[in-house]
mmCIF file of all heavy atoms, coordinates in Angstrom:
data_MODEL
# 
_entry.id   MODEL 
# 
loop_
_atom_site.group_PDB 
_atom_site.id 
_atom_site.type_symbol 
_atom_site.label_atom_id 
_atom_site.label_alt_id 
_atom_site.label_comp_id 
_atom_site.label_asym_id 
_atom_site.label_entity_id 
_atom_site.label_seq_id 
_atom_site.pdbx_PDB_ins_code 
_atom_site.Cartn_x 
_atom_site.Cartn_y 
_atom_site.Cartn_z 
_atom_site.occupancy 
_atom_site.B_iso_or_equiv 
_atom_site.pdbx_formal_charge 
_atom_site.auth_seq_id 
_atom_site.auth_comp_id 
_atom_site.auth_asym_id 
_atom_site.auth_atom_id 
_atom_site.pdbx_PDB_model_num 
ATOM 1   N N   . VAL A 1 1  ? 40.418 69.390 -48.884 1.00 0.00 ? 1  VAL A N   1 
ATOM 2   C CA  . VAL A 1 1  ? 39.631 68.309 -49.610 1.00 0.00 ? 1  VAL A CA  1 
ATOM 3   C C   . VAL A 1 1  ? 40.589 67.666 -50.615 1.00 0.00 ? 1  VAL A C   1 
ATOM 4   O O   . VAL A 1 1  ? 41.323 68.314 -51.282 1.00 0.00 ? 1  VAL A O   1 
ATOM 5   C CB  . VAL A 1 1  ? 38.460 69.025 -50.304 1.00 0.00 ? 1  VAL A CB  1 
ATOM 6   C CG1 . VAL A 1 1  ? 37.746 68.013 -51.198 1.00 0.00 ? 1  VAL A CG1 1 
ATOM 7   C CG2 . VAL A 1 1  ? 37.504 69.483 -49.183 1.00 0.00 ? 1  VAL A CG2 1 
ATOM 8   N N   . GLN A 1 2  ? 40.400 66.308 -50.763 1.00 0.00 ? 2  GLN A N   1 
ATOM 9   C CA  . GLN A 1 2  ? 41.217 65.589 -51.736 1.00 0.00 ? 2  GLN A CA  1 
ATOM 10  C C   . GLN A 1 2  ? 40.409 65.756 -53.063 1.00 0.00 ? 2  GLN A C   1 
ATOM 11  O O   . GLN A 1 2  ? 39.188 65.841 -53.132 1.00 0.00 ? 2  GLN A O   1 
ATOM 12  C CB  . GLN A 1 2  ? 41.315 64.123 -51.373 1.00 0.00 ? 2  GLN A CB  1 
ATOM 13  C CG  . GLN A 1 2  ? 42.036 63.824 -50.121 1.00 0.00 ? 2  GLN A CG  1 
ATOM 14  C CD  . GLN A 1 2  ? 42.065 62.299 -49.853 1.00 0.00 ? 2  GLN A CD  1 
ATOM 15  O OE1 . GLN A 1 2  ? 41.174 61.585 -50.162 1.00 0.00 ? 2  GLN A OE1 1 
ATOM 16  N NE2 . GLN A 1 2  ? 43.122 61.922 -49.207 1.00 0.00 ? 2  GLN A NE2 1 
ATOM 17  N N   . THR A 1 3  ? 41.208 65.708 -54.221 1.00 0.00 ? 3  THR A N   1 
ATOM 18  C CA  . THR A 1 3  ? 40.646 65.694 -55.504 1.00 0.00 ? 3  THR A CA  1 
ATOM 19  C C   . THR A 1 3  ? 41.190 64.635 -56.406 1.00 0.00 ? 3  THR A C   1 
ATOM 20  O O   . THR A 1 3  ? 42.324 64.108 -56.244 1.00 0.00 ? 3  THR A O   1 
ATOM 21  C CB  . THR A 1 3  ? 40.868 67.030 -56.188 1.00 0.00 ? 3  THR A CB  1 
ATOM 22  O OG1 . THR A 1 3  ? 42.259 67.264 -56.159 1.00 0.00 ? 3  THR A OG1 1 
ATOM 23  C CG2 . THR A 1 3  ? 40.094 68.132 -55.543 1.00 0.00 ? 3  THR A CG2 1 
ATOM 24  N N   . GLU A 1 4  ? 40.269 64.163 -57.305 1.00 0.00 ? 4  GLU A N   1 
ATOM 25  C CA  . GLU A 1 4  ? 40.667 63.195 -58.320 1.00 0.00 ? 4  GLU A CA  1 
ATOM 26  C C   . GLU A 1 4  ? 40.171 63.885 -59.653 1.00 0.00 ? 4  GLU A C   1 
ATOM 27  O O   . GLU A 1 4  ? 39.010 64.310 -59.694 1.00 0.00 ? 4  GLU A O   1 
ATOM 28  C CB  . GLU A 1 4  ? 40.004 61.934 -58.038 1.00 0.00 ? 4  GLU A CB  1 
ATOM 29  C CG  . GLU A 1 4  ? 40.375 60.833 -58.931 1.00 0.00 ? 4  GLU A CG  1 
ATOM 30  C CD  . GLU A 1 4  ? 39.671 59.477 -58.505 1.00 0.00 ? 4  GLU A CD  1 
ATOM 31  O OE1 . GLU A 1 4  ? 39.884 59.153 -57.368 1.00 0.00 ? 4  GLU A OE1 1 
ATOM 32  O OE2 . GLU A 1 4  ? 39.065 58.876 -59.398 1.00 0.00 ? 4  GLU A OE2 1 
ATOM 33  N N   . PHE A 1 5  ? 40.994 63.850 -60.675 1.00 0.00 ? 5  PHE A N   1 
ATOM 34  C CA  . PHE A 1 5  ? 40.614 64.503 -61.871 1.00 0.00 ? 5  PHE A CA  1 
ATOM 35  C C   . PHE A 1 5  ? 40.379 63.439 -63.006 1.00 0.00 ? 5  PHE A C   1 
ATOM 36  O O   . PHE A 1 5  ? 41.234 62.489 -63.056 1.00 0.00 ? 5  PHE A O   1 
ATOM 37  C CB  . PHE A 1 5  ? 41.680 65.522 -62.387 1.00 0.00 ? 5  PHE A CB  1 
ATOM 38  C CG  . PHE A 1 5  ? 41.671 66.670 -61.473 1.00 0.00 ? 5  PHE A CG  1 
ATOM 39  C CD1 . PHE A 1 5  ? 42.461 66.718 -60.301 1.00 0.00 ? 5  PHE A CD1 1 
ATOM 40  C CD2 . PHE A 1 5  ? 40.905 67.871 -61.695 1.00 0.00 ? 5  PHE A CD2 1 
ATOM 41  C CE1 . PHE A 1 5  ? 42.542 67.703 -59.461 1.00 0.00 ? 5  PHE A CE1 1 
ATOM 42  C CE2 . PHE A 1 5  ? 40.992 68.880 -60.853 1.00 0.00 ? 5  PHE A CE2 1 
ATOM 43  C CZ  . PHE A 1 5  ? 41.759 68.849 -59.715 1.00 0.00 ? 5  PHE A CZ  1 
ATOM 44  N N   . PHE A 1 6  ? 39.418 63.691 -63.843 1.00 0.00 ? 6  PHE A N   1 
ATOM 45  C CA  . PHE A 1 6  ? 39.165 62.749 -64.983 1.00 0.00 ? 6  PHE A CA  1 
ATOM 46  C C   . PHE A 1 6  ? 38.747 63.604 -66.143 1.00 0.00 ? 6  PHE A C   1 
ATOM 47  O O   . PHE A 1 6  ? 37.811 64.410 -66.015 1.00 0.00 ? 6  PHE A O   1 
ATOM 48  C CB  . PHE A 1 6  ? 38.075 61.744 -64.584 1.00 0.00 ? 6  PHE A CB  1 
ATOM 49  C CG  . PHE A 1 6  ? 37.747 60.777 -65.687 1.00 0.00 ? 6  PHE A CG  1 
ATOM 50  C CD1 . PHE A 1 6  ? 38.662 59.665 -65.849 1.00 0.00 ? 6  PHE A CD1 1 
ATOM 51  C CD2 . PHE A 1 6  ? 36.760 60.965 -66.540 1.00 0.00 ? 6  PHE A CD2 1 
ATOM 52  C CE1 . PHE A 1 6  ? 38.429 58.804 -66.947 1.00 0.00 ? 6  PHE A CE1 1 
ATOM 53  C CE2 . PHE A 1 6  ? 36.474 60.050 -67.594 1.00 0.00 ? 6  PHE A CE2 1 
ATOM 54  C CZ  . PHE A 1 6  ? 37.282 58.970 -67.771 1.00 0.00 ? 6  PHE A CZ  1 
ATOM 55  N N   . GLN A 1 7  ? 39.291 63.384 -67.310 1.00 0.00 ? 7  GLN A N   1 
ATOM 56  C CA  . GLN A 1 7  ? 38.882 64.005 -68.586 1.00 0.00 ? 7  GLN A CA  1 
ATOM 57  C C   . GLN A 1 7  ? 38.802 62.998 -69.646 1.00 0.00 ? 7  GLN A C   1 
ATOM 58  O O   . GLN A 1 7  ? 39.741 62.121 -69.830 1.00 0.00 ? 7  GLN A O   1 
ATOM 59  C CB  . GLN A 1 7  ? 39.850 65.130 -68.951 1.00 0.00 ? 7  GLN A CB  1 
ATOM 60  C CG  . GLN A 1 7  ? 39.389 65.994 -70.155 1.00 0.00 ? 7  GLN A CG  1 
ATOM 61  C CD  . GLN A 1 7  ? 39.603 65.391 -71.457 1.00 0.00 ? 7  GLN A CD  1 
ATOM 62  O OE1 . GLN A 1 7  ? 40.591 64.705 -71.724 1.00 0.00 ? 7  GLN A OE1 1 
ATOM 63  N NE2 . GLN A 1 7  ? 38.645 65.667 -72.415 1.00 0.00 ? 7  GLN A NE2 1 
ATOM 64  N N   . SER A 1 8  ? 37.771 62.999 -70.343 1.00 0.00 ? 8  SER A N   1 
ATOM 65  C CA  . SER A 1 8  ? 37.670 62.107 -71.544 1.00 0.00 ? 8  SER A CA  1 
ATOM 66  C C   . SER A 1 8  ? 36.792 62.761 -72.571 1.00 0.00 ? 8  SER A C   1 
ATOM 67  O O   . SER A 1 8  ? 35.833 63.461 -72.344 1.00 0.00 ? 8  SER A O   1 
ATOM 68  C CB  . SER A 1 8  ? 36.980 60.788 -71.100 1.00 0.00 ? 8  SER A CB  1 
ATOM 69  O OG  . SER A 1 8  ? 36.920 59.921 -72.188 1.00 0.00 ? 8  SER A OG  1 
ATOM 70  N N   . ASN A 1 9  ? 37.195 62.325 -73.791 1.00 0.00 ? 9  ASN A N   1 
ATOM 71  C CA  . ASN A 1 9  ? 36.316 62.734 -74.936 1.00 0.00 ? 9  ASN A CA  1 
ATOM 72  C C   . ASN A 1 9  ? 35.260 61.669 -75.334 1.00 0.00 ? 9  ASN A C   1 
ATOM 73  O O   . ASN A 1 9  ? 34.606 61.786 -76.428 1.00 0.00 ? 9  ASN A O   1 
ATOM 74  C CB  . ASN A 1 9  ? 37.278 62.916 -76.218 1.00 0.00 ? 9  ASN A CB  1 
ATOM 75  C CG  . ASN A 1 9  ? 38.311 64.032 -75.988 1.00 0.00 ? 9  ASN A CG  1 
ATOM 76  O OD1 . ASN A 1 9  ? 37.788 65.166 -75.484 1.00 0.00 ? 9  ASN A OD1 1 
ATOM 77  N ND2 . ASN A 1 9  ? 39.477 63.832 -76.319 1.00 0.00 ? 9  ASN A ND2 1 
ATOM 78  N N   . HIS A 1 10 ? 35.159 60.640 -74.493 1.00 0.00 ? 10 HIS A N   1 
ATOM 79  C CA  . HIS A 1 10 ? 34.369 59.493 -74.771 1.00 0.00 ? 10 HIS A CA  1 
ATOM 80  C C   . HIS A 1 10 ? 33.205 59.355 -73.734 1.00 0.00 ? 10 HIS A C   1 
ATOM 81  O O   . HIS A 1 10 ? 33.535 59.186 -72.563 1.00 0.00 ? 10 HIS A O   1 
ATOM 82  C CB  . HIS A 1 10 ? 35.149 58.177 -74.811 1.00 0.00 ? 10 HIS A CB  1 
ATOM 83  C CG  . HIS A 1 10 ? 36.255 58.320 -75.877 1.00 0.00 ? 10 HIS A CG  1 
ATOM 84  N ND1 . HIS A 1 10 ? 36.055 58.177 -77.136 1.00 0.00 ? 10 HIS A ND1 1 
ATOM 85  C CD2 . HIS A 1 10 ? 37.593 58.562 -75.594 1.00 0.00 ? 10 HIS A CD2 1 
ATOM 86  C CE1 . HIS A 1 10 ? 37.264 58.364 -77.777 1.00 0.00 ? 10 HIS A CE1 1 
ATOM 87  N NE2 . HIS A 1 10 ? 38.115 58.571 -76.802 1.00 0.00 ? 10 HIS A NE2 1 
ATOM 88  N N   . GLU A 1 11 ? 32.028 59.345 -74.110 1.00 0.00 ? 11 GLU A N   1 
ATOM 89  C CA  . GLU A 1 11 ? 30.816 59.335 -73.242 1.00 0.00 ? 11 GLU A CA  1 
ATOM 90  C C   . GLU A 1 11 ? 30.915 58.100 -72.276 1.00 0.00 ? 11 GLU A C   1 
ATOM 91  O O   . GLU A 1 11 ? 30.615 58.235 -71.028 1.00 0.00 ? 11 GLU A O   1 
ATOM 92  C CB  . GLU A 1 11 ? 29.524 59.297 -74.100 1.00 0.00 ? 11 GLU A CB  1 
ATOM 93  C CG  . GLU A 1 11 ? 28.265 59.283 -73.278 1.00 0.00 ? 11 GLU A CG  1 
ATOM 94  C CD  . GLU A 1 11 ? 27.048 59.251 -74.220 1.00 0.00 ? 11 GLU A CD  1 
ATOM 95  O OE1 . GLU A 1 11 ? 27.176 58.717 -75.305 1.00 0.00 ? 11 GLU A OE1 1 
ATOM 96  O OE2 . GLU A 1 11 ? 26.002 59.748 -73.719 1.00 0.00 ? 11 GLU A OE2 1 
ATOM 97  N N   . GLY A 1 12 ? 31.105 56.923 -72.872 1.00 0.00 ? 12 GLY A N   1 
ATOM 98  C CA  . GLY A 1 12 ? 31.205 55.677 -72.036 1.00 0.00 ? 12 GLY A CA  1 
ATOM 99  C C   . GLY A 1 12 ? 32.270 55.842 -70.903 1.00 0.00 ? 12 GLY A C   1 
ATOM 100 O O   . GLY A 1 12 ? 32.006 55.290 -69.851 1.00 0.00 ? 12 GLY A O   1 
ATOM 101 N N   . ALA A 1 13 ? 33.362 56.364 -71.190 1.00 0.00 ? 13 ALA A N   1 
ATOM 102 C CA  . ALA A 1 13 ? 34.435 56.538 -70.237 1.00 0.00 ? 13 ALA A CA  1 
ATOM 103 C C   . ALA A 1 13 ? 33.966 57.345 -69.069 1.00 0.00 ? 13 ALA A C   1 
ATOM 104 O O   . ALA A 1 13 ? 34.316 57.174 -67.890 1.00 0.00 ? 13 ALA A O   1 
ATOM 105 C CB  . ALA A 1 13 ? 35.711 57.036 -70.895 1.00 0.00 ? 13 ALA A CB  1 
ATOM 106 N N   . ILE A 1 14 ? 33.179 58.422 -69.408 1.00 0.00 ? 14 ILE A N   1 
ATOM 107 C CA  . ILE A 1 14 ? 32.677 59.361 -68.337 1.00 0.00 ? 14 ILE A CA  1 
ATOM 108 C C   . ILE A 1 14 ? 31.661 58.586 -67.532 1.00 0.00 ? 14 ILE A C   1 
ATOM 109 O O   . ILE A 1 14 ? 31.689 58.716 -66.207 1.00 0.00 ? 14 ILE A O   1 
ATOM 110 C CB  . ILE A 1 14 ? 32.125 60.587 -69.046 1.00 0.00 ? 14 ILE A CB  1 
ATOM 111 C CG1 . ILE A 1 14 ? 33.158 61.451 -69.599 1.00 0.00 ? 14 ILE A CG1 1 
ATOM 112 C CG2 . ILE A 1 14 ? 31.406 61.450 -67.996 1.00 0.00 ? 14 ILE A CG2 1 
ATOM 113 C CD1 . ILE A 1 14 ? 32.735 62.573 -70.569 1.00 0.00 ? 14 ILE A CD1 1 
ATOM 114 N N   . VAL A 1 15 ? 30.807 57.806 -68.186 1.00 0.00 ? 15 VAL A N   1 
ATOM 115 C CA  . VAL A 1 15 ? 29.811 56.989 -67.446 1.00 0.00 ? 15 VAL A CA  1 
ATOM 116 C C   . VAL A 1 15 ? 30.581 56.029 -66.474 1.00 0.00 ? 15 VAL A C   1 
ATOM 117 O O   . VAL A 1 15 ? 30.195 55.899 -65.333 1.00 0.00 ? 15 VAL A O   1 
ATOM 118 C CB  . VAL A 1 15 ? 28.869 56.186 -68.369 1.00 0.00 ? 15 VAL A CB  1 
ATOM 119 C CG1 . VAL A 1 15 ? 28.103 55.219 -67.672 1.00 0.00 ? 15 VAL A CG1 1 
ATOM 120 C CG2 . VAL A 1 15 ? 28.054 57.160 -69.160 1.00 0.00 ? 15 VAL A CG2 1 
ATOM 121 N N   . ASP A 1 16 ? 31.594 55.435 -67.025 1.00 0.00 ? 16 ASP A N   1 
ATOM 122 C CA  . ASP A 1 16 ? 32.403 54.505 -66.110 1.00 0.00 ? 16 ASP A CA  1 
ATOM 123 C C   . ASP A 1 16 ? 33.012 55.167 -64.938 1.00 0.00 ? 16 ASP A C   1 
ATOM 124 O O   . ASP A 1 16 ? 33.040 54.706 -63.860 1.00 0.00 ? 16 ASP A O   1 
ATOM 125 C CB  . ASP A 1 16 ? 33.530 53.825 -66.986 1.00 0.00 ? 16 ASP A CB  1 
ATOM 126 C CG  . ASP A 1 16 ? 33.040 52.847 -68.037 1.00 0.00 ? 16 ASP A CG  1 
ATOM 127 O OD1 . ASP A 1 16 ? 31.828 52.341 -67.926 1.00 0.00 ? 16 ASP A OD1 1 
ATOM 128 O OD2 . ASP A 1 16 ? 33.811 52.506 -68.969 1.00 0.00 ? 16 ASP A OD2 1 
ATOM 129 N N   . ALA A 1 17 ? 33.532 56.351 -65.100 1.00 0.00 ? 17 ALA A N   1 
ATOM 130 C CA  . ALA A 1 17 ? 34.134 57.120 -64.110 1.00 0.00 ? 17 ALA A CA  1 
ATOM 131 C C   . ALA A 1 17 ? 33.118 57.450 -63.000 1.00 0.00 ? 17 ALA A C   1 
ATOM 132 O O   . ALA A 1 17 ? 33.353 57.341 -61.843 1.00 0.00 ? 17 ALA A O   1 
ATOM 133 C CB  . ALA A 1 17 ? 34.824 58.407 -64.611 1.00 0.00 ? 17 ALA A CB  1 
ATOM 134 N N   . ILE A 1 18 ? 31.949 57.836 -63.397 1.00 0.00 ? 18 ILE A N   1 
ATOM 135 C CA  . ILE A 1 18 ? 30.828 58.135 -62.458 1.00 0.00 ? 18 ILE A CA  1 
ATOM 136 C C   . ILE A 1 18 ? 30.540 56.817 -61.655 1.00 0.00 ? 18 ILE A C   1 
ATOM 137 O O   . ILE A 1 18 ? 30.367 56.881 -60.429 1.00 0.00 ? 18 ILE A O   1 
ATOM 138 C CB  . ILE A 1 18 ? 29.628 58.719 -63.244 1.00 0.00 ? 18 ILE A CB  1 
ATOM 139 C CG1 . ILE A 1 18 ? 29.934 60.165 -63.734 1.00 0.00 ? 18 ILE A CG1 1 
ATOM 140 C CG2 . ILE A 1 18 ? 28.481 58.828 -62.233 1.00 0.00 ? 18 ILE A CG2 1 
ATOM 141 C CD1 . ILE A 1 18 ? 28.934 60.687 -64.765 1.00 0.00 ? 18 ILE A CD1 1 
ATOM 142 N N   . GLN A 1 19 ? 30.343 55.749 -62.383 1.00 0.00 ? 19 GLN A N   1 
ATOM 143 C CA  . GLN A 1 19 ? 30.031 54.527 -61.766 1.00 0.00 ? 19 GLN A CA  1 
ATOM 144 C C   . GLN A 1 19 ? 31.098 54.091 -60.721 1.00 0.00 ? 19 GLN A C   1 
ATOM 145 O O   . GLN A 1 19 ? 30.773 53.667 -59.646 1.00 0.00 ? 19 GLN A O   1 
ATOM 146 C CB  . GLN A 1 19 ? 29.699 53.441 -62.718 1.00 0.00 ? 19 GLN A CB  1 
ATOM 147 C CG  . GLN A 1 19 ? 28.411 53.673 -63.525 1.00 0.00 ? 19 GLN A CG  1 
ATOM 148 C CD  . GLN A 1 19 ? 28.209 52.581 -64.590 1.00 0.00 ? 19 GLN A CD  1 
ATOM 149 O OE1 . GLN A 1 19 ? 29.024 51.657 -64.776 1.00 0.00 ? 19 GLN A OE1 1 
ATOM 150 N NE2 . GLN A 1 19 ? 27.059 52.661 -65.347 1.00 0.00 ? 19 GLN A NE2 1 
ATOM 151 N N   . GLN A 1 20 ? 32.297 54.273 -61.065 1.00 0.00 ? 20 GLN A N   1 
ATOM 152 C CA  . GLN A 1 20 ? 33.470 53.858 -60.299 1.00 0.00 ? 20 GLN A CA  1 
ATOM 153 C C   . GLN A 1 20 ? 33.562 54.735 -59.064 1.00 0.00 ? 20 GLN A C   1 
ATOM 154 O O   . GLN A 1 20 ? 34.351 54.441 -58.137 1.00 0.00 ? 20 GLN A O   1 
ATOM 155 C CB  . GLN A 1 20 ? 34.694 53.763 -61.122 1.00 0.00 ? 20 GLN A CB  1 
ATOM 156 C CG  . GLN A 1 20 ? 34.712 52.747 -62.094 1.00 0.00 ? 20 GLN A CG  1 
ATOM 157 C CD  . GLN A 1 20 ? 35.759 52.786 -63.200 1.00 0.00 ? 20 GLN A CD  1 
ATOM 158 O OE1 . GLN A 1 20 ? 36.614 53.693 -63.185 1.00 0.00 ? 20 GLN A OE1 1 
ATOM 159 N NE2 . GLN A 1 20 ? 35.753 51.868 -64.152 1.00 0.00 ? 20 GLN A NE2 1 
ATOM 160 N N   . ALA A 1 21 ? 32.950 55.882 -59.079 1.00 0.00 ? 21 ALA A N   1 
ATOM 161 C CA  . ALA A 1 21 ? 33.035 56.840 -57.944 1.00 0.00 ? 21 ALA A CA  1 
ATOM 162 C C   . ALA A 1 21 ? 32.149 56.341 -56.778 1.00 0.00 ? 21 ALA A C   1 
ATOM 163 O O   . ALA A 1 21 ? 32.272 56.820 -55.589 1.00 0.00 ? 21 ALA A O   1 
ATOM 164 C CB  . ALA A 1 21 ? 32.598 58.247 -58.331 1.00 0.00 ? 21 ALA A CB  1 
ATOM 165 N N   . TYR A 1 22 ? 31.184 55.514 -57.058 1.00 0.00 ? 22 TYR A N   1 
ATOM 166 C CA  . TYR A 1 22 ? 30.249 55.031 -56.003 1.00 0.00 ? 22 TYR A CA  1 
ATOM 167 C C   . TYR A 1 22 ? 31.005 54.351 -54.873 1.00 0.00 ? 22 TYR A C   1 
ATOM 168 O O   . TYR A 1 22 ? 31.861 53.579 -55.061 1.00 0.00 ? 22 TYR A O   1 
ATOM 169 C CB  . TYR A 1 22 ? 29.249 54.010 -56.553 1.00 0.00 ? 22 TYR A CB  1 
ATOM 170 C CG  . TYR A 1 22 ? 28.252 53.467 -55.627 1.00 0.00 ? 22 TYR A CG  1 
ATOM 171 C CD1 . TYR A 1 22 ? 27.264 54.381 -55.257 1.00 0.00 ? 22 TYR A CD1 1 
ATOM 172 C CD2 . TYR A 1 22 ? 28.353 52.297 -55.023 1.00 0.00 ? 22 TYR A CD2 1 
ATOM 173 C CE1 . TYR A 1 22 ? 26.296 53.915 -54.287 1.00 0.00 ? 22 TYR A CE1 1 
ATOM 174 C CE2 . TYR A 1 22 ? 27.475 51.905 -54.015 1.00 0.00 ? 22 TYR A CE2 1 
ATOM 175 C CZ  . TYR A 1 22 ? 26.407 52.665 -53.726 1.00 0.00 ? 22 TYR A CZ  1 
ATOM 176 O OH  . TYR A 1 22 ? 25.491 52.296 -52.855 1.00 0.00 ? 22 TYR A OH  1 
ATOM 177 N N   . GLY A 1 23 ? 30.679 54.944 -53.648 1.00 0.00 ? 23 GLY A N   1 
ATOM 178 C CA  . GLY A 1 23 ? 31.233 54.366 -52.485 1.00 0.00 ? 23 GLY A CA  1 
ATOM 179 C C   . GLY A 1 23 ? 32.611 54.885 -52.027 1.00 0.00 ? 23 GLY A C   1 
ATOM 180 O O   . GLY A 1 23 ? 33.207 54.567 -50.993 1.00 0.00 ? 23 GLY A O   1 
ATOM 181 N N   . ARG A 1 24 ? 33.296 55.663 -52.851 1.00 0.00 ? 24 ARG A N   1 
ATOM 182 C CA  . ARG A 1 24 ? 34.577 56.239 -52.630 1.00 0.00 ? 24 ARG A CA  1 
ATOM 183 C C   . ARG A 1 24 ? 34.723 57.721 -52.833 1.00 0.00 ? 24 ARG A C   1 
ATOM 184 O O   . ARG A 1 24 ? 35.725 58.298 -52.415 1.00 0.00 ? 24 ARG A O   1 
ATOM 185 C CB  . ARG A 1 24 ? 35.673 55.439 -53.405 1.00 0.00 ? 24 ARG A CB  1 
ATOM 186 C CG  . ARG A 1 24 ? 35.605 55.487 -54.842 1.00 0.00 ? 24 ARG A CG  1 
ATOM 187 C CD  . ARG A 1 24 ? 36.623 54.748 -55.561 1.00 0.00 ? 24 ARG A CD  1 
ATOM 188 N NE  . ARG A 1 24 ? 36.807 55.171 -56.889 1.00 0.00 ? 24 ARG A NE  1 
ATOM 189 C CZ  . ARG A 1 24 ? 37.456 56.316 -57.295 1.00 0.00 ? 24 ARG A CZ  1 
ATOM 190 N NH1 . ARG A 1 24 ? 38.069 57.061 -56.360 1.00 0.00 ? 24 ARG A NH1 1 
ATOM 191 N NH2 . ARG A 1 24 ? 37.571 56.633 -58.568 1.00 0.00 ? 24 ARG A NH2 1 
ATOM 192 N N   . ILE A 1 25 ? 33.749 58.381 -53.447 1.00 0.00 ? 25 ILE A N   1 
ATOM 193 C CA  . ILE A 1 25 ? 33.791 59.847 -53.732 1.00 0.00 ? 25 ILE A CA  1 
ATOM 194 C C   . ILE A 1 25 ? 32.661 60.462 -53.132 1.00 0.00 ? 25 ILE A C   1 
ATOM 195 O O   . ILE A 1 25 ? 31.454 59.929 -53.010 1.00 0.00 ? 25 ILE A O   1 
ATOM 196 C CB  . ILE A 1 25 ? 33.761 60.130 -55.267 1.00 0.00 ? 25 ILE A CB  1 
ATOM 197 C CG1 . ILE A 1 25 ? 34.955 59.473 -55.978 1.00 0.00 ? 25 ILE A CG1 1 
ATOM 198 C CG2 . ILE A 1 25 ? 33.481 61.540 -55.587 1.00 0.00 ? 25 ILE A CG2 1 
ATOM 199 C CD1 . ILE A 1 25 ? 36.299 60.254 -55.742 1.00 0.00 ? 25 ILE A CD1 1 
ATOM 200 N N   . ASP A 1 26 ? 32.808 61.633 -52.439 1.00 0.00 ? 26 ASP A N   1 
ATOM 201 C CA  . ASP A 1 26 ? 31.747 62.320 -51.693 1.00 0.00 ? 26 ASP A CA  1 
ATOM 202 C C   . ASP A 1 26 ? 31.004 63.305 -52.508 1.00 0.00 ? 26 ASP A C   1 
ATOM 203 O O   . ASP A 1 26 ? 29.937 63.774 -52.109 1.00 0.00 ? 26 ASP A O   1 
ATOM 204 C CB  . ASP A 1 26 ? 32.391 62.945 -50.541 1.00 0.00 ? 26 ASP A CB  1 
ATOM 205 C CG  . ASP A 1 26 ? 33.148 61.976 -49.572 1.00 0.00 ? 26 ASP A CG  1 
ATOM 206 O OD1 . ASP A 1 26 ? 32.470 61.003 -49.138 1.00 0.00 ? 26 ASP A OD1 1 
ATOM 207 O OD2 . ASP A 1 26 ? 34.358 62.087 -49.453 1.00 0.00 ? 26 ASP A OD2 1 
# 
């Protein structure tokens, strides 16, 4: 399985990462 890692101390950045996962992350 492929992995992509994301860490942030900022709530909005985490929301952005989740939204950007749409259509490309399983």
